[in-house]
Protein backbone atom coordinates (compact mmCIF):
# COMPACT_ATOMS: atom_id res chain seq x y z
CA UNK A 1 0.00 0.00 0.00
CA UNK A 2 2.86 2.40 0.81
CA UNK A 3 4.49 1.75 -2.58
CA UNK A 4 1.32 2.64 -4.45
CA UNK A 5 1.08 5.93 -2.61
CA UNK A 6 4.74 6.63 -3.30
CA UNK A 7 4.30 6.00 -7.03
CA UNK A 8 1.20 8.17 -7.18
CA UNK A 9 3.01 10.98 -5.36
CA UNK A 10 6.01 10.69 -7.67
CA UNK A 11 3.80 10.71 -10.78
CA UNK A 12 1.94 13.78 -9.50
CA UNK A 13 5.23 15.61 -8.83
CA UNK A 14 6.51 14.82 -12.34
CA UNK A 15 3.23 16.00 -13.86
CA UNK A 16 3.31 19.28 -11.93
CA UNK A 17 6.95 19.84 -12.92
CA UNK A 18 6.09 19.31 -16.61
CA UNK A 19 3.16 21.73 -16.43
CA UNK A 20 5.28 24.42 -14.78
CA UNK A 21 8.15 23.91 -17.24
CA UNK A 22 5.92 24.03 -20.31
CA UNK A 23 4.04 27.06 -19.04
CA UNK A 24 7.17 29.07 -18.27
CA UNK A 25 9.38 27.77 -21.06
CA UNK A 26 7.13 28.18 -24.10
CA UNK A 27 6.28 31.85 -23.78
CA UNK A 28 9.65 33.23 -24.77
CA UNK A 29 8.21 35.77 -27.21
CA UNK A 30 5.24 38.09 -26.56
CA UNK A 31 3.39 39.74 -29.42
CA UNK A 32 0.50 42.22 -29.58
CA UNK A 33 -1.88 42.37 -32.53
CA UNK A 34 -4.92 44.53 -33.33
CA UNK A 35 -7.41 43.12 -35.83
CA UNK A 36 -10.36 44.83 -37.51
CA UNK A 37 -13.27 42.87 -38.93
CA UNK A 38 -16.74 44.06 -39.97
CA UNK A 39 -16.30 47.40 -38.21
CA UNK A 40 -15.12 45.89 -34.91
CA UNK A 41 -11.59 46.05 -33.53
CA UNK A 42 -9.87 43.83 -31.00
CA UNK A 43 -6.32 43.93 -29.65
CA UNK A 44 -4.78 40.90 -27.94
CA UNK A 45 -1.38 39.86 -26.61
CA UNK A 46 -0.10 36.29 -26.76
CA UNK A 47 3.12 34.40 -26.10
CA UNK A 48 4.87 31.57 -27.89
CA UNK A 49 8.13 29.80 -28.63
CA UNK A 50 8.77 31.89 -31.73
CA UNK A 51 7.64 35.28 -33.00
CA UNK A 52 5.43 33.66 -35.64
CA UNK A 53 3.68 31.40 -33.13
CA UNK A 54 3.08 34.28 -30.74
CA UNK A 55 1.81 36.44 -33.62
CA UNK A 56 -0.53 33.69 -34.84
CA UNK A 57 -1.92 33.12 -31.33
CA UNK A 58 -2.57 36.86 -30.89
CA UNK A 59 -4.37 37.03 -34.26
CA UNK A 60 -6.49 33.99 -33.42
CA UNK A 61 -7.42 35.42 -30.00
CA UNK A 62 -8.29 38.85 -31.39
CA UNK A 63 -10.43 37.39 -34.18
CA UNK A 64 -12.26 35.08 -31.77
CA UNK A 65 -13.74 38.13 -30.05
CA UNK A 66 -14.90 40.04 -33.13
CA UNK A 67 -16.08 37.28 -35.45
CA UNK A 68 -18.93 34.80 -35.24
CA UNK A 69 -18.80 31.37 -36.75
CA UNK A 70 -16.04 29.45 -38.45
CA UNK A 71 -16.30 31.28 -41.78
CA UNK A 72 -16.03 34.72 -40.22
CA UNK A 73 -13.18 33.59 -37.98
CA UNK A 74 -11.18 32.32 -40.95
CA UNK A 75 -11.91 35.48 -42.93
CA UNK A 76 -10.74 37.63 -40.01
CA UNK A 77 -7.57 35.58 -39.51
CA UNK A 78 -6.66 35.96 -43.19
CA UNK A 79 -6.75 39.77 -43.02
CA UNK A 80 -3.57 41.70 -42.20
CA UNK A 81 -3.43 43.16 -38.69
CA UNK A 82 -4.25 46.84 -38.24
CA UNK A 83 -1.39 47.10 -35.77
CA UNK A 84 1.19 44.66 -34.50
CA UNK A 85 4.31 44.77 -32.37
CA UNK A 86 6.69 42.44 -30.63
CA UNK A 87 6.86 43.01 -26.89
CA UNK A 88 10.03 42.64 -24.85
C-alpha atoms as a PDB file:
ATOM      1  CA  UNK A   1       0.000   0.000   0.000  1.00  0.00           C
ATOM      2  CA  UNK A   2       2.856   2.398   0.812  1.00  0.00           C
ATOM      3  CA  UNK A   3       4.485   1.750  -2.579  1.00  0.00           C
ATOM      4  CA  UNK A   4       1.320   2.640  -4.448  1.00  0.00           C
ATOM      5  CA  UNK A   5       1.078   5.935  -2.605  1.00  0.00           C
ATOM      6  CA  UNK A   6       4.743   6.635  -3.300  1.00  0.00           C
ATOM      7  CA  UNK A   7       4.303   5.995  -7.032  1.00  0.00           C
ATOM      8  CA  UNK A   8       1.199   8.173  -7.185  1.00  0.00           C
ATOM      9  CA  UNK A   9       3.011  10.978  -5.362  1.00  0.00           C
ATOM     10  CA  UNK A  10       6.006  10.688  -7.672  1.00  0.00           C
ATOM     11  CA  UNK A  11       3.795  10.711 -10.783  1.00  0.00           C
ATOM     12  CA  UNK A  12       1.938  13.779  -9.499  1.00  0.00           C
ATOM     13  CA  UNK A  13       5.231  15.608  -8.827  1.00  0.00           C
ATOM     14  CA  UNK A  14       6.511  14.824 -12.337  1.00  0.00           C
ATOM     15  CA  UNK A  15       3.231  15.997 -13.860  1.00  0.00           C
ATOM     16  CA  UNK A  16       3.307  19.285 -11.933  1.00  0.00           C
ATOM     17  CA  UNK A  17       6.946  19.838 -12.921  1.00  0.00           C
ATOM     18  CA  UNK A  18       6.088  19.314 -16.605  1.00  0.00           C
ATOM     19  CA  UNK A  19       3.161  21.728 -16.435  1.00  0.00           C
ATOM     20  CA  UNK A  20       5.282  24.421 -14.783  1.00  0.00           C
ATOM     21  CA  UNK A  21       8.152  23.911 -17.238  1.00  0.00           C
ATOM     22  CA  UNK A  22       5.916  24.026 -20.314  1.00  0.00           C
ATOM     23  CA  UNK A  23       4.039  27.063 -19.044  1.00  0.00           C
ATOM     24  CA  UNK A  24       7.165  29.069 -18.273  1.00  0.00           C
ATOM     25  CA  UNK A  25       9.378  27.766 -21.062  1.00  0.00           C
ATOM     26  CA  UNK A  26       7.128  28.180 -24.102  1.00  0.00           C
ATOM     27  CA  UNK A  27       6.282  31.851 -23.784  1.00  0.00           C
ATOM     28  CA  UNK A  28       9.653  33.230 -24.768  1.00  0.00           C
ATOM     29  CA  UNK A  29       8.209  35.771 -27.206  1.00  0.00           C
ATOM     30  CA  UNK A  30       5.243  38.088 -26.565  1.00  0.00           C
ATOM     31  CA  UNK A  31       3.388  39.737 -29.415  1.00  0.00           C
ATOM     32  CA  UNK A  32       0.501  42.221 -29.581  1.00  0.00           C
ATOM     33  CA  UNK A  33      -1.882  42.374 -32.535  1.00  0.00           C
ATOM     34  CA  UNK A  34      -4.920  44.534 -33.327  1.00  0.00           C
ATOM     35  CA  UNK A  35      -7.411  43.120 -35.827  1.00  0.00           C
ATOM     36  CA  UNK A  36     -10.357  44.827 -37.506  1.00  0.00           C
ATOM     37  CA  UNK A  37     -13.270  42.867 -38.927  1.00  0.00           C
ATOM     38  CA  UNK A  38     -16.741  44.058 -39.974  1.00  0.00           C
ATOM     39  CA  UNK A  39     -16.299  47.396 -38.214  1.00  0.00           C
ATOM     40  CA  UNK A  40     -15.117  45.892 -34.915  1.00  0.00           C
ATOM     41  CA  UNK A  41     -11.593  46.052 -33.535  1.00  0.00           C
ATOM     42  CA  UNK A  42      -9.870  43.829 -31.001  1.00  0.00           C
ATOM     43  CA  UNK A  43      -6.317  43.927 -29.650  1.00  0.00           C
ATOM     44  CA  UNK A  44      -4.779  40.903 -27.937  1.00  0.00           C
ATOM     45  CA  UNK A  45      -1.383  39.864 -26.609  1.00  0.00           C
ATOM     46  CA  UNK A  46      -0.100  36.290 -26.765  1.00  0.00           C
ATOM     47  CA  UNK A  47       3.117  34.403 -26.103  1.00  0.00           C
ATOM     48  CA  UNK A  48       4.868  31.570 -27.891  1.00  0.00           C
ATOM     49  CA  UNK A  49       8.131  29.801 -28.628  1.00  0.00           C
ATOM     50  CA  UNK A  50       8.767  31.892 -31.731  1.00  0.00           C
ATOM     51  CA  UNK A  51       7.644  35.282 -33.003  1.00  0.00           C
ATOM     52  CA  UNK A  52       5.434  33.663 -35.644  1.00  0.00           C
ATOM     53  CA  UNK A  53       3.676  31.395 -33.130  1.00  0.00           C
ATOM     54  CA  UNK A  54       3.080  34.279 -30.736  1.00  0.00           C
ATOM     55  CA  UNK A  55       1.810  36.439 -33.616  1.00  0.00           C
ATOM     56  CA  UNK A  56      -0.533  33.695 -34.840  1.00  0.00           C
ATOM     57  CA  UNK A  57      -1.922  33.124 -31.335  1.00  0.00           C
ATOM     58  CA  UNK A  58      -2.566  36.857 -30.891  1.00  0.00           C
ATOM     59  CA  UNK A  59      -4.367  37.032 -34.256  1.00  0.00           C
ATOM     60  CA  UNK A  60      -6.495  33.994 -33.415  1.00  0.00           C
ATOM     61  CA  UNK A  61      -7.418  35.423 -30.001  1.00  0.00           C
ATOM     62  CA  UNK A  62      -8.294  38.854 -31.390  1.00  0.00           C
ATOM     63  CA  UNK A  63     -10.433  37.388 -34.179  1.00  0.00           C
ATOM     64  CA  UNK A  64     -12.257  35.079 -31.774  1.00  0.00           C
ATOM     65  CA  UNK A  65     -13.740  38.125 -30.045  1.00  0.00           C
ATOM     66  CA  UNK A  66     -14.903  40.036 -33.127  1.00  0.00           C
ATOM     67  CA  UNK A  67     -16.079  37.278 -35.454  1.00  0.00           C
ATOM     68  CA  UNK A  68     -18.927  34.805 -35.237  1.00  0.00           C
ATOM     69  CA  UNK A  69     -18.797  31.370 -36.753  1.00  0.00           C
ATOM     70  CA  UNK A  70     -16.037  29.449 -38.453  1.00  0.00           C
ATOM     71  CA  UNK A  71     -16.300  31.275 -41.777  1.00  0.00           C
ATOM     72  CA  UNK A  72     -16.030  34.718 -40.216  1.00  0.00           C
ATOM     73  CA  UNK A  73     -13.184  33.589 -37.978  1.00  0.00           C
ATOM     74  CA  UNK A  74     -11.176  32.317 -40.949  1.00  0.00           C
ATOM     75  CA  UNK A  75     -11.909  35.485 -42.935  1.00  0.00           C
ATOM     76  CA  UNK A  76     -10.744  37.626 -40.014  1.00  0.00           C
ATOM     77  CA  UNK A  77      -7.569  35.583 -39.507  1.00  0.00           C
ATOM     78  CA  UNK A  78      -6.664  35.963 -43.187  1.00  0.00           C
ATOM     79  CA  UNK A  79      -6.753  39.770 -43.022  1.00  0.00           C
ATOM     80  CA  UNK A  80      -3.574  41.697 -42.195  1.00  0.00           C
ATOM     81  CA  UNK A  81      -3.431  43.159 -38.690  1.00  0.00           C
ATOM     82  CA  UNK A  82      -4.253  46.842 -38.239  1.00  0.00           C
ATOM     83  CA  UNK A  83      -1.388  47.104 -35.767  1.00  0.00           C
ATOM     84  CA  UNK A  84       1.194  44.659 -34.498  1.00  0.00           C
ATOM     85  CA  UNK A  85       4.313  44.767 -32.373  1.00  0.00           C
ATOM     86  CA  UNK A  86       6.692  42.440 -30.634  1.00  0.00           C
ATOM     87  CA  UNK A  87       6.862  43.014 -26.893  1.00  0.00           C
ATOM     88  CA  UNK A  88      10.032  42.640 -24.849  1.00  0.00           C
END
